[in-house]
Amino acid sequence: MIDMKSLPFGSKYRLIYDVQGKFIEFIYNLNPIDTYIVSPSASGELKVYKKEPILKIVKVEGKVESSLYNAMLKAEKSPELAVSFANIFAWQIDFNAELRKGDIFKLIVQEEEQNNFSRPVRILAAQYKGKLTGKHTAIFFKDSNEHTDYYTPEGKSLRKAFLRAPLKYKRISSPFSYRRLHPVLRTWRPHLGIDYAAPSGTPVVAIADGLVTTVSWANDCGRYIKIKHLNGYETVYAHLSRYAKGIRKGARVHQGQVVGYVGSSGLSTGPHLYFAISKNGKRINFLKMKMPFASSINPKYTSQFKQIEKEYLCLLNE
């Protein structure tokens, strides 16, 4: 039930009665799109339900003059749509450095509409043609296992298997090295990982989908997590202040999921994340590693994907 005392100042609602003064329904607009209705059932019990918005598919296109953000505003779309578009092509295009005046973008967007307002739900297809970037096309696809991703028209994932970094950091305070003077022990020893300096409490995320194999404490690493990934990869996240909710041995995590928070536990001189990655048990330098792409479309969904790809490309090219 809706607590009238808790409604924010300025909230819009309507109370509807019949000619005899009998209550018919209460309509509350949480925002221009989300509308909730309270009405009595045949037995007199009050029921609450949400008025479902209308789903529609729209095409958005434009030309870059100064930035993707401004171009999206000129196309009368929300800045959030520009962020979503940029995220789709994050591994293919550097939108801070590679945009040029005259570049063209196209999107097929699913929107929900209500009360003469609309908002984007998701981008179904996207295309960018740039002077420096060339042409890039993305197709959204969800399989029967509810797995979603953006793919090229050939069915290859646009997403790399690993994120470029496991957190938002200020600087790399210590790179991968086979010989480094330990700041606490003052002895020379290998540092087969990377130290990312960041404020205490900064969220740390899994760089790829995987299985948590270790959640523990070590005198040197402090609180740390190990995650096993496909193709023999394993990652370590150490010196954490705490673990994220639900992170335990045996838990499955997805790329970008918060697994812990930056701290200074163990042998540490200040808040930072120690991150390491290994391939088949051998530590490798993450900063110099050639990032593999995420998996392509499962062959059993190829026919279904090609049908959707054809439909979306037709809409993009209309």
C-alpha atoms as a PDB file:
ATOM      1  CA  MET A   1       0.000   0.000   0.000  1.00  0.00           C
ATOM      2  CA  ILE A   2       1.111   3.586  -0.628  1.00  0.00           C
ATOM      3  CA  ASP A   3       1.822   5.629   2.506  1.00  0.00           C
ATOM      4  CA  MET A   4       0.446   9.097   1.756  1.00  0.00           C
ATOM      5  CA  LYS A   5       2.648  10.621   4.458  1.00  0.00           C
ATOM      6  CA  SER A   6       5.792   9.424   2.695  1.00  0.00           C
ATOM      7  CA  LEU A   7       5.000  10.903  -0.739  1.00  0.00           C
ATOM      8  CA  PRO A   8       7.594  13.516  -1.797  1.00  0.00           C
ATOM      9  CA  PHE A   9       6.561  17.172  -1.841  1.00  0.00           C
ATOM     10  CA  GLY A  10       5.021  18.058  -5.190  1.00  0.00           C
ATOM     11  CA  SER A  11       3.868  14.505  -5.975  1.00  0.00           C
ATOM     12  CA  LYS A  12       0.946  14.375  -8.396  1.00  0.00           C
ATOM     13  CA  TYR A  13      -2.026  12.146  -7.698  1.00  0.00           C
ATOM     14  CA  ARG A  14      -5.750  11.906  -8.396  1.00  0.00           C
ATOM     15  CA  LEU A  15      -8.607  10.625  -6.259  1.00  0.00           C
ATOM     16  CA  ILE A  16     -11.643   9.555  -8.258  1.00  0.00           C
ATOM     17  CA  TYR A  17     -15.145   9.116  -6.826  1.00  0.00           C
ATOM     18  CA  ASP A  18     -18.491   8.307  -8.442  1.00  0.00           C
ATOM     19  CA  VAL A  19     -21.518  10.636  -8.273  1.00  0.00           C
ATOM     20  CA  GLN A  20     -22.562   9.107  -4.935  1.00  0.00           C
ATOM     21  CA  GLY A  21     -19.161   9.897  -3.474  1.00  0.00           C
ATOM     22  CA  LYS A  22     -17.973   6.283  -3.502  1.00  0.00           C
ATOM     23  CA  PHE A  23     -14.221   5.819  -3.920  1.00  0.00           C
ATOM     24  CA  ILE A  24     -13.290   4.486  -7.380  1.00  0.00           C
ATOM     25  CA  GLU A  25      -9.512   4.734  -7.605  1.00  0.00           C
ATOM     26  CA  PHE A  26      -6.386   6.545  -6.532  1.00  0.00           C
ATOM     27  CA  ILE A  27      -3.827   7.333  -9.267  1.00  0.00           C
ATOM     28  CA  TYR A  28      -0.267   8.244  -8.311  1.00  0.00           C
ATOM     29  CA  ASN A  29       2.401   9.371 -10.775  1.00  0.00           C
ATOM     30  CA  LEU A  30       5.782   8.439  -9.311  1.00  0.00           C
ATOM     31  CA  ASN A  31       7.316  10.137 -12.356  1.00  0.00           C
ATOM     32  CA  PRO A  32       6.061  10.936 -15.877  1.00  0.00           C
ATOM     33  CA  ILE A  33       6.270   7.245 -16.852  1.00  0.00           C
ATOM     34  CA  ASP A  34       5.612   5.158 -13.732  1.00  0.00           C
ATOM     35  CA  THR A  35       1.957   5.303 -12.673  1.00  0.00           C
ATOM     36  CA  TYR A  36       0.419   3.310  -9.810  1.00  0.00           C
ATOM     37  CA  ILE A  37      -3.302   2.769  -9.278  1.00  0.00           C
ATOM     38  CA  VAL A  38      -5.156   1.763  -6.111  1.00  0.00           C
ATOM     39  CA  SER A  39      -8.736   0.534  -6.549  1.00  0.00           C
ATOM     40  CA  PRO A  40     -11.166  -1.668  -4.604  1.00  0.00           C
ATOM     41  CA  SER A  41     -11.877  -5.219  -5.755  1.00  0.00           C
ATOM     42  CA  ALA A  42     -15.375  -6.743  -5.873  1.00  0.00           C
ATOM     43  CA  SER A  43     -14.916  -7.812  -2.247  1.00  0.00           C
ATOM     44  CA  GLY A  44     -13.912  -4.303  -1.234  1.00  0.00           C
ATOM     45  CA  GLU A  45     -10.233  -5.137  -0.728  1.00  0.00           C
ATOM     46  CA  LEU A  46      -7.870  -2.460  -2.018  1.00  0.00           C
ATOM     47  CA  LYS A  47      -5.545  -3.610  -4.799  1.00  0.00           C
ATOM     48  CA  VAL A  48      -2.414  -1.842  -6.052  1.00  0.00           C
ATOM     49  CA  TYR A  49      -1.143  -2.302  -9.576  1.00  0.00           C
ATOM     50  CA  LYS A  50       1.209  -0.532 -11.926  1.00  0.00           C
ATOM     51  CA  LYS A  51      -0.100   0.861 -15.179  1.00  0.00           C
ATOM     52  CA  GLU A  52       2.156  -0.679 -17.790  1.00  0.00           C
ATOM     53  CA  PRO A  53       3.631   1.773 -20.322  1.00  0.00           C
ATOM     54  CA  ILE A  54       3.398   1.238 -24.067  1.00  0.00           C
ATOM     55  CA  LEU A  55       6.538  -0.224 -25.664  1.00  0.00           C
ATOM     56  CA  LYS A  56       7.625   1.133 -29.021  1.00  0.00           C
ATOM     57  CA  ILE A  57      10.663   1.022 -31.270  1.00  0.00           C
ATOM     58  CA  VAL A  58      12.126   4.261 -32.615  1.00  0.00           C
ATOM     59  CA  LYS A  59      15.048   5.161 -34.835  1.00  0.00           C
ATOM     60  CA  VAL A  60      17.498   7.835 -33.727  1.00  0.00           C
ATOM     61  CA  GLU A  61      20.168   9.253 -35.996  1.00  0.00           C
ATOM     62  CA  GLY A  62      22.380  12.260 -36.088  1.00  0.00           C
ATOM     63  CA  LYS A  63      25.687  13.831 -36.982  1.00  0.00           C
ATOM     64  CA  VAL A  64      28.460  14.751 -34.563  1.00  0.00           C
ATOM     65  CA  GLU A  65      29.313  18.450 -34.425  1.00  0.00           C
ATOM     66  CA  SER A  66      31.213  18.711 -31.147  1.00  0.00           C
ATOM     67  CA  SER A  67      30.397  15.652 -29.017  1.00  0.00           C
ATOM     68  CA  LEU A  68      28.173  12.591 -28.939  1.00  0.00           C
ATOM     69  CA  TYR A  69      26.448  14.063 -25.882  1.00  0.00           C
ATOM     70  CA  ASN A  70      25.456  17.254 -27.710  1.00  0.00           C
ATOM     71  CA  ALA A  71      24.506  15.332 -30.843  1.00  0.00           C
ATOM     72  CA  MET A  72      22.113  13.177 -28.806  1.00  0.00           C
ATOM     73  CA  LEU A  73      20.560  16.279 -27.246  1.00  0.00           C
ATOM     74  CA  LYS A  74      20.110  17.751 -30.716  1.00  0.00           C
ATOM     75  CA  ALA A  75      18.286  14.557 -31.701  1.00  0.00           C
ATOM     76  CA  GLU A  76      15.990  15.258 -28.715  1.00  0.00           C
ATOM     77  CA  LYS A  77      17.168  12.231 -26.773  1.00  0.00           C
ATOM     78  CA  SER A  78      18.474  11.884 -23.226  1.00  0.00           C
ATOM     79  CA  PRO A  79      22.176  12.214 -22.351  1.00  0.00           C
ATOM     80  CA  GLU A  80      21.908   8.743 -20.774  1.00  0.00           C
ATOM     81  CA  LEU A  81      21.358   7.333 -24.254  1.00  0.00           C
ATOM     82  CA  ALA A  82      24.708   8.798 -25.337  1.00  0.00           C
ATOM     83  CA  VAL A  83      26.388   7.037 -22.397  1.00  0.00           C
ATOM     84  CA  SER A  84      24.725   3.715 -23.267  1.00  0.00           C
ATOM     85  CA  PHE A  85      25.759   4.100 -26.911  1.00  0.00           C
ATOM     86  CA  ALA A  86      29.371   4.851 -25.950  1.00  0.00           C
ATOM     87  CA  ASN A  87      29.453   1.864 -23.587  1.00  0.00           C
ATOM     88  CA  ILE A  88      28.394  -0.498 -26.388  1.00  0.00           C
ATOM     89  CA  PHE A  89      31.423   0.485 -28.484  1.00  0.00           C
ATOM     90  CA  ALA A  90      33.791   1.053 -25.544  1.00  0.00           C
ATOM     91  CA  TRP A  91      36.260  -1.574 -26.820  1.00  0.00           C
ATOM     92  CA  GLN A  92      36.165  -0.384 -30.439  1.00  0.00           C
ATOM     93  CA  ILE A  93      36.042   3.416 -30.204  1.00  0.00           C
ATOM     94  CA  ASP A  94      37.706   5.968 -27.931  1.00  0.00           C
ATOM     95  CA  PHE A  95      34.943   8.574 -27.869  1.00  0.00           C
ATOM     96  CA  ASN A  96      37.221  11.070 -26.128  1.00  0.00           C
ATOM     97  CA  ALA A  97      39.901  11.036 -28.826  1.00  0.00           C
ATOM     98  CA  GLU A  98      38.503   9.586 -32.053  1.00  0.00           C
ATOM     99  CA  LEU A  99      35.324  11.596 -32.654  1.00  0.00           C
ATOM    100  CA  ARG A 100      35.381  13.979 -35.593  1.00  0.00           C
ATOM    101  CA  LYS A 101      32.921  16.537 -36.866  1.00  0.00           C
ATOM    102  CA  GLY A 102      30.663  14.923 -39.437  1.00  0.00           C
ATOM    103  CA  ASP A 103      30.733  11.409 -37.936  1.00  0.00           C
ATOM    104  CA  ILE A 104      27.328   9.719 -38.211  1.00  0.00           C
ATOM    105  CA  PHE A 105      25.480   7.608 -35.648  1.00  0.00           C
ATOM    106  CA  LYS A 106      22.270   5.562 -35.856  1.00  0.00           C
ATOM    107  CA  LEU A 107      20.323   3.724 -33.157  1.00  0.00           C
ATOM    108  CA  ILE A 108      17.273   1.513 -32.951  1.00  0.00           C
ATOM    109  CA  VAL A 109      15.879   2.080 -29.471  1.00  0.00           C
ATOM    110  CA  GLN A 110      13.145   0.351 -27.511  1.00  0.00           C
ATOM    111  CA  GLU A 111      11.250   2.980 -25.530  1.00  0.00           C
ATOM    112  CA  GLU A 112       8.378   2.921 -23.076  1.00  0.00           C
ATOM    113  CA  GLU A 113       5.765   5.650 -23.332  1.00  0.00           C
ATOM    114  CA  GLN A 114       3.088   6.920 -20.988  1.00  0.00           C
ATOM    115  CA  ASN A 115       1.319  10.221 -20.308  1.00  0.00           C
ATOM    116  CA  ASN A 116       2.924  11.688 -23.467  1.00  0.00           C
ATOM    117  CA  PHE A 117       6.399  11.019 -22.077  1.00  0.00           C
ATOM    118  CA  SER A 118       8.911   8.423 -23.208  1.00  0.00           C
ATOM    119  CA  ARG A 119      12.201   6.985 -21.962  1.00  0.00           C
ATOM    120  CA  PRO A 120      14.671   4.494 -23.424  1.00  0.00           C
ATOM    121  CA  VAL A 121      14.603   0.897 -22.230  1.00  0.00           C
ATOM    122  CA  ARG A 122      17.528  -0.430 -24.253  1.00  0.00           C
ATOM    123  CA  ILE A 123      19.403   0.049 -27.501  1.00  0.00           C
ATOM    124  CA  LEU A 124      18.491  -2.797 -29.866  1.00  0.00           C
ATOM    125  CA  ALA A 125      20.956  -1.877 -32.601  1.00  0.00           C
ATOM    126  CA  ALA A 126      23.606   0.791 -33.045  1.00  0.00           C
ATOM    127  CA  GLN A 127      25.924   1.991 -35.765  1.00  0.00           C
ATOM    128  CA  TYR A 128      28.753   4.511 -35.896  1.00  0.00           C
ATOM    129  CA  LYS A 129      30.535   5.745 -39.032  1.00  0.00           C
ATOM    130  CA  GLY A 130      33.568   7.860 -38.271  1.00  0.00           C
ATOM    131  CA  LYS A 131      36.425   9.383 -40.222  1.00  0.00           C
ATOM    132  CA  LEU A 132      38.959   7.796 -37.870  1.00  0.00           C
ATOM    133  CA  THR A 133      36.956   4.872 -36.525  1.00  0.00           C
ATOM    134  CA  GLY A 134      35.452   3.437 -39.681  1.00  0.00           C
ATOM    135  CA  LYS A 135      32.076   1.713 -39.490  1.00  0.00           C
ATOM    136  CA  HIS A 136      30.989  -0.268 -36.424  1.00  0.00           C
ATOM    137  CA  THR A 137      27.632  -2.016 -35.979  1.00  0.00           C
ATOM    138  CA  ALA A 138      26.148  -3.616 -32.850  1.00  0.00           C
ATOM    139  CA  ILE A 139      23.162  -5.957 -32.527  1.00  0.00           C
ATOM    140  CA  PHE A 140      21.507  -6.696 -29.165  1.00  0.00           C
ATOM    141  CA  PHE A 141      20.620 -10.360 -28.605  1.00  0.00           C
ATOM    142  CA  LYS A 142      19.132 -12.310 -25.694  1.00  0.00           C
ATOM    143  CA  ASP A 143      19.198 -16.105 -25.835  1.00  0.00           C
ATOM    144  CA  SER A 144      16.844 -18.567 -24.140  1.00  0.00           C
ATOM    145  CA  ASN A 145      19.119 -18.644 -21.079  1.00  0.00           C
ATOM    146  CA  GLU A 146      18.533 -14.893 -20.612  1.00  0.00           C
ATOM    147  CA  HIS A 147      22.162 -14.148 -21.539  1.00  0.00           C
ATOM    148  CA  THR A 148      22.381 -10.746 -23.215  1.00  0.00           C
ATOM    149  CA  ASP A 149      25.164  -9.046 -25.135  1.00  0.00           C
ATOM    150  CA  TYR A 150      25.934  -6.883 -28.152  1.00  0.00           C
ATOM    151  CA  TYR A 151      27.391  -8.581 -31.216  1.00  0.00           C
ATOM    152  CA  THR A 152      28.733  -7.696 -34.634  1.00  0.00           C
ATOM    153  CA  PRO A 153      26.520  -8.712 -37.593  1.00  0.00           C
ATOM    154  CA  GLU A 154      28.774 -11.786 -37.843  1.00  0.00           C
ATOM    155  CA  GLY A 155      27.836 -12.829 -34.289  1.00  0.00           C
ATOM    156  CA  LYS A 156      31.098 -11.872 -32.541  1.00  0.00           C
ATOM    157  CA  SER A 157      30.856 -10.200 -29.141  1.00  0.00           C
ATOM    158  CA  LEU A 158      31.809  -6.514 -29.043  1.00  0.00           C
ATOM    159  CA  ARG A 159      32.867  -6.989 -25.455  1.00  0.00           C
ATOM    160  CA  LYS A 160      36.353  -8.061 -24.502  1.00  0.00           C
ATOM    161  CA  ALA A 161      36.670 -11.025 -22.149  1.00  0.00           C
ATOM    162  CA  PHE A 162      38.306  -8.767 -19.525  1.00  0.00           C
ATOM    163  CA  LEU A 163      37.734  -5.219 -18.344  1.00  0.00           C
ATOM    164  CA  ARG A 164      40.690  -2.883 -18.735  1.00  0.00           C
ATOM    165  CA  ALA A 165      40.922  -2.360 -14.966  1.00  0.00           C
ATOM    166  CA  PRO A 166      39.182  -3.790 -11.894  1.00  0.00           C
ATOM    167  CA  LEU A 167      38.379  -0.356 -10.422  1.00  0.00           C
ATOM    168  CA  LYS A 168      38.429   3.393 -10.969  1.00  0.00           C
ATOM    169  CA  TYR A 169      41.911   4.296  -9.798  1.00  0.00           C
ATOM    170  CA  LYS A 170      44.013   7.422  -9.369  1.00  0.00           C
ATOM    171  CA  ARG A 171      47.311   5.957 -10.547  1.00  0.00           C
ATOM    172  CA  ILE A 172      49.358   2.778 -10.771  1.00  0.00           C
ATOM    173  CA  SER A 173      51.597   2.943  -7.729  1.00  0.00           C
ATOM    174  CA  SER A 174      53.593  -0.181  -8.558  1.00  0.00           C
ATOM    175  CA  PRO A 175      53.652  -2.049 -11.891  1.00  0.00           C
ATOM    176  CA  PHE A 176      54.335  -5.694 -12.679  1.00  0.00           C
ATOM    177  CA  SER A 177      58.013  -6.461 -12.015  1.00  0.00           C
ATOM    178  CA  TYR A 178      60.304  -9.425 -11.447  1.00  0.00           C
ATOM    179  CA  ARG A 179      62.377  -7.371  -8.986  1.00  0.00           C
ATOM    180  CA  ARG A 180      60.959  -4.667  -6.733  1.00  0.00           C
ATOM    181  CA  LEU A 181      61.967  -3.229  -3.370  1.00  0.00           C
ATOM    182  CA  HIS A 182      59.100  -4.136  -1.032  1.00  0.00           C
ATOM    183  CA  PRO A 183      57.908  -0.897   0.655  1.00  0.00           C
ATOM    184  CA  VAL A 184      57.323  -2.588   4.037  1.00  0.00           C
ATOM    185  CA  LEU A 185      59.863  -5.426   4.193  1.00  0.00           C
ATOM    186  CA  ARG A 186      62.593  -3.391   2.415  1.00  0.00           C
ATOM    187  CA  THR A 187      63.790  -6.463   0.520  1.00  0.00           C
ATOM    188  CA  TRP A 188      64.018  -7.109  -3.205  1.00  0.00           C
ATOM    189  CA  ARG A 189      61.398  -9.562  -4.423  1.00  0.00           C
ATOM    190  CA  PRO A 190      59.141 -10.161  -7.450  1.00  0.00           C
ATOM    191  CA  HIS A 191      55.931  -8.118  -7.702  1.00  0.00           C
ATOM    192  CA  LEU A 192      53.909 -10.213 -10.122  1.00  0.00           C
ATOM    193  CA  GLY A 193      50.862  -8.000 -10.131  1.00  0.00           C
ATOM    194  CA  ILE A 194      49.781  -4.378 -10.241  1.00  0.00           C
ATOM    195  CA  ASP A 195      49.121  -1.931  -7.406  1.00  0.00           C
ATOM    196  CA  TYR A 196      46.277   0.479  -8.176  1.00  0.00           C
ATOM    197  CA  ALA A 197      46.217   3.465  -5.804  1.00  0.00           C
ATOM    198  CA  ALA A 198      42.647   4.452  -4.917  1.00  0.00           C
ATOM    199  CA  PRO A 199      40.739   5.853  -1.923  1.00  0.00           C
ATOM    200  CA  SER A 200      39.715   3.385   0.759  1.00  0.00           C
ATOM    201  CA  GLY A 201      36.235   2.037   0.041  1.00  0.00           C
ATOM    202  CA  THR A 202      36.505   2.299  -3.752  1.00  0.00           C
ATOM    203  CA  PRO A 203      34.487  -0.567  -5.310  1.00  0.00           C
ATOM    204  CA  VAL A 204      36.550  -3.380  -6.843  1.00  0.00           C
ATOM    205  CA  VAL A 205      34.932  -5.364  -9.659  1.00  0.00           C
ATOM    206  CA  ALA A 206      35.534  -8.729 -11.301  1.00  0.00           C
ATOM    207  CA  ILE A 207      37.218  -8.171 -14.663  1.00  0.00           C
ATOM    208  CA  ALA A 208      35.364 -11.149 -16.167  1.00  0.00           C
ATOM    209  CA  ASP A 209      32.685 -13.737 -15.461  1.00  0.00           C
ATOM    210  CA  GLY A 210      33.973 -16.443 -13.161  1.00  0.00           C
ATOM    211  CA  LEU A 211      33.798 -18.638 -10.076  1.00  0.00           C
ATOM    212  CA  VAL A 212      35.064 -17.425  -6.701  1.00  0.00           C
ATOM    213  CA  THR A 213      37.542 -20.042  -5.454  1.00  0.00           C
ATOM    214  CA  THR A 214      39.044 -18.253  -2.436  1.00  0.00           C
ATOM    215  CA  VAL A 215      37.830 -15.636   0.039  1.00  0.00           C
ATOM    216  CA  SER A 216      40.439 -15.466   2.772  1.00  0.00           C
ATOM    217  CA  TRP A 217      43.164 -13.643   4.702  1.00  0.00           C
ATOM    218  CA  ALA A 218      46.937 -13.797   4.276  1.00  0.00           C
ATOM    219  CA  ASN A 219      49.520 -11.878   6.283  1.00  0.00           C
ATOM    220  CA  ASP A 220      50.971 -10.222   3.191  1.00  0.00           C
ATOM    221  CA  CYS A 221      47.808  -9.815   1.066  1.00  0.00           C
ATOM    222  CA  GLY A 222      45.336  -9.111   3.849  1.00  0.00           C
ATOM    223  CA  ARG A 223      41.771  -9.749   2.738  1.00  0.00           C
ATOM    224  CA  TYR A 224      41.860 -11.223  -0.743  1.00  0.00           C
ATOM    225  CA  ILE A 225      39.729 -12.973  -3.345  1.00  0.00           C
ATOM    226  CA  LYS A 226      40.627 -15.418  -6.108  1.00  0.00           C
ATOM    227  CA  ILE A 227      38.369 -15.892  -9.117  1.00  0.00           C
ATOM    228  CA  LYS A 228      38.666 -18.653 -11.710  1.00  0.00           C
ATOM    229  CA  HIS A 229      37.757 -17.732 -15.300  1.00  0.00           C
ATOM    230  CA  LEU A 230      37.437 -19.607 -18.578  1.00  0.00           C
ATOM    231  CA  ASN A 231      40.439 -20.776 -20.598  1.00  0.00           C
ATOM    232  CA  GLY A 232      42.778 -21.211 -17.625  1.00  0.00           C
ATOM    233  CA  TYR A 233      42.713 -17.626 -16.341  1.00  0.00           C
ATOM    234  CA  GLU A 234      42.651 -16.727 -12.636  1.00  0.00           C
ATOM    235  CA  THR A 235      42.589 -13.296 -10.976  1.00  0.00           C
ATOM    236  CA  VAL A 236      43.529 -12.105  -7.481  1.00  0.00           C
ATOM    237  CA  TYR A 237      42.196  -8.999  -5.672  1.00  0.00           C
ATOM    238  CA  ALA A 238      44.062  -8.184  -2.442  1.00  0.00           C
ATOM    239  CA  HIS A 239      44.455  -5.695   0.456  1.00  0.00           C
ATOM    240  CA  LEU A 240      40.661  -5.288   0.531  1.00  0.00           C
ATOM    241  CA  SER A 241      38.923  -3.447   3.365  1.00  0.00           C
ATOM    242  CA  ARG A 242      35.902  -5.741   3.070  1.00  0.00           C
ATOM    243  CA  TYR A 243      34.125  -8.130   0.732  1.00  0.00           C
ATOM    244  CA  ALA A 244      30.968  -7.311  -1.180  1.00  0.00           C
ATOM    245  CA  LYS A 245      27.677  -8.883  -0.137  1.00  0.00           C
ATOM    246  CA  GLY A 246      27.275 -12.432  -1.412  1.00  0.00           C
ATOM    247  CA  ILE A 247      30.956 -12.947  -2.220  1.00  0.00           C
ATOM    248  CA  ARG A 248      31.966 -16.335  -0.863  1.00  0.00           C
ATOM    249  CA  LYS A 249      33.747 -19.454  -2.064  1.00  0.00           C
ATOM    250  CA  GLY A 250      31.675 -21.072  -4.805  1.00  0.00           C
ATOM    251  CA  ALA A 251      29.814 -17.897  -5.783  1.00  0.00           C
ATOM    252  CA  ARG A 252      29.522 -17.095  -9.475  1.00  0.00           C
ATOM    253  CA  VAL A 253      30.259 -13.522 -10.478  1.00  0.00           C
ATOM    254  CA  HIS A 254      29.774 -11.616 -13.689  1.00  0.00           C
ATOM    255  CA  GLN A 255      31.999  -9.085 -15.404  1.00  0.00           C
ATOM    256  CA  GLY A 256      31.789  -5.712 -13.677  1.00  0.00           C
ATOM    257  CA  GLN A 257      30.201  -7.080 -10.489  1.00  0.00           C
ATOM    258  CA  VAL A 258      31.493  -5.521  -7.268  1.00  0.00           C
ATOM    259  CA  VAL A 259      33.407  -8.157  -5.292  1.00  0.00           C
ATOM    260  CA  GLY A 260      35.084  -6.019  -2.636  1.00  0.00           C
ATOM    261  CA  TYR A 261      36.349  -2.597  -1.625  1.00  0.00           C
ATOM    262  CA  VAL A 262      39.795  -1.002  -1.597  1.00  0.00           C
ATOM    263  CA  GLY A 263      41.614  -1.084   1.723  1.00  0.00           C
ATOM    264  CA  SER A 264      45.050  -1.422   3.263  1.00  0.00           C
ATOM    265  CA  SER A 265      44.843  -4.811   4.963  1.00  0.00           C
ATOM    266  CA  GLY A 266      47.928  -7.008   5.289  1.00  0.00           C
ATOM    267  CA  LEU A 267      51.419  -5.678   4.496  1.00  0.00           C
ATOM    268  CA  SER A 268      50.480  -2.319   3.017  1.00  0.00           C
ATOM    269  CA  THR A 269      51.576   1.305   3.347  1.00  0.00           C
ATOM    270  CA  GLY A 270      48.266   2.816   2.238  1.00  0.00           C
ATOM    271  CA  PRO A 271      44.943   2.126   0.520  1.00  0.00           C
ATOM    272  CA  HIS A 272      45.352   0.383  -2.818  1.00  0.00           C
ATOM    273  CA  LEU A 273      44.339  -2.743  -4.717  1.00  0.00           C
ATOM    274  CA  TYR A 274      46.852  -5.443  -5.541  1.00  0.00           C
ATOM    275  CA  PHE A 275      45.609  -7.151  -8.691  1.00  0.00           C
ATOM    276  CA  ALA A 276      47.181 -10.150 -10.411  1.00  0.00           C
ATOM    277  CA  ILE A 277      46.231 -12.414 -13.290  1.00  0.00           C
ATOM    278  CA  SER A 278      47.595 -15.802 -14.297  1.00  0.00           C
ATOM    279  CA  LYS A 279      47.157 -18.076 -17.296  1.00  0.00           C
ATOM    280  CA  ASN A 280      47.434 -21.816 -16.600  1.00  0.00           C
ATOM    281  CA  GLY A 281      49.162 -21.033 -13.310  1.00  0.00           C
ATOM    282  CA  LYS A 282      51.727 -18.562 -14.699  1.00  0.00           C
ATOM    283  CA  ARG A 283      51.511 -14.891 -13.721  1.00  0.00           C
ATOM    284  CA  ILE A 284      51.342 -12.454 -16.637  1.00  0.00           C
ATOM    285  CA  ASN A 285      51.587  -8.667 -16.957  1.00  0.00           C
ATOM    286  CA  PHE A 286      47.993  -7.472 -17.223  1.00  0.00           C
ATOM    287  CA  LEU A 287      49.010  -4.068 -18.603  1.00  0.00           C
ATOM    288  CA  LYS A 288      50.746  -5.659 -21.599  1.00  0.00           C
ATOM    289  CA  MET A 289      48.264  -8.460 -22.114  1.00  0.00           C
ATOM    290  CA  LYS A 290      46.421  -8.732 -25.420  1.00  0.00           C
ATOM    291  CA  MET A 291      42.771  -8.806 -24.434  1.00  0.00           C
ATOM    292  CA  PRO A 292      40.769 -11.726 -25.859  1.00  0.00           C
ATOM    293  CA  PHE A 293      37.197 -11.086 -26.968  1.00  0.00           C
ATOM    294  CA  ALA A 294      34.242 -12.530 -25.095  1.00  0.00           C
ATOM    295  CA  SER A 295      32.569 -15.563 -26.639  1.00  0.00           C
ATOM    296  CA  SER A 296      30.629 -15.383 -29.898  1.00  0.00           C
ATOM    297  CA  ILE A 297      27.012 -16.419 -30.408  1.00  0.00           C
ATOM    298  CA  ASN A 298      26.347 -19.995 -29.350  1.00  0.00           C
ATOM    299  CA  PRO A 299      25.932 -21.985 -32.616  1.00  0.00           C
ATOM    300  CA  LYS A 300      22.507 -23.238 -31.537  1.00  0.00           C
ATOM    301  CA  TYR A 301      21.246 -19.619 -31.572  1.00  0.00           C
ATOM    302  CA  THR A 302      22.784 -18.680 -34.931  1.00  0.00           C
ATOM    303  CA  SER A 303      19.540 -18.958 -36.908  1.00  0.00           C
ATOM    304  CA  GLN A 304      17.606 -16.912 -34.350  1.00  0.00           C
ATOM    305  CA  PHE A 305      20.345 -14.278 -34.214  1.00  0.00           C
ATOM    306  CA  LYS A 306      20.554 -13.949 -38.013  1.00  0.00           C
ATOM    307  CA  GLN A 307      16.820 -13.319 -38.167  1.00  0.00           C
ATOM    308  CA  ILE A 308      17.046 -10.528 -35.584  1.00  0.00           C
ATOM    309  CA  GLU A 309      20.223  -9.145 -37.160  1.00  0.00           C
ATOM    310  CA  LYS A 310      18.504  -8.905 -40.554  1.00  0.00           C
ATOM    311  CA  GLU A 311      15.498  -7.125 -39.038  1.00  0.00           C
ATOM    312  CA  TYR A 312      17.603  -4.577 -37.130  1.00  0.00           C
ATOM    313  CA  LEU A 313      19.928  -3.873 -40.066  1.00  0.00           C
ATOM    314  CA  CYS A 314      16.894  -3.137 -42.238  1.00  0.00           C
ATOM    315  CA  LEU A 315      15.692  -0.624 -39.649  1.00  0.00           C
ATOM    316  CA  LEU A 316      19.144   0.978 -39.413  1.00  0.00           C
ATOM    317  CA  ASN A 317      19.424   1.320 -43.175  1.00  0.00           C
ATOM    318  CA  GLU A 318      15.917   2.635 -43.869  1.00  0.00           C
END
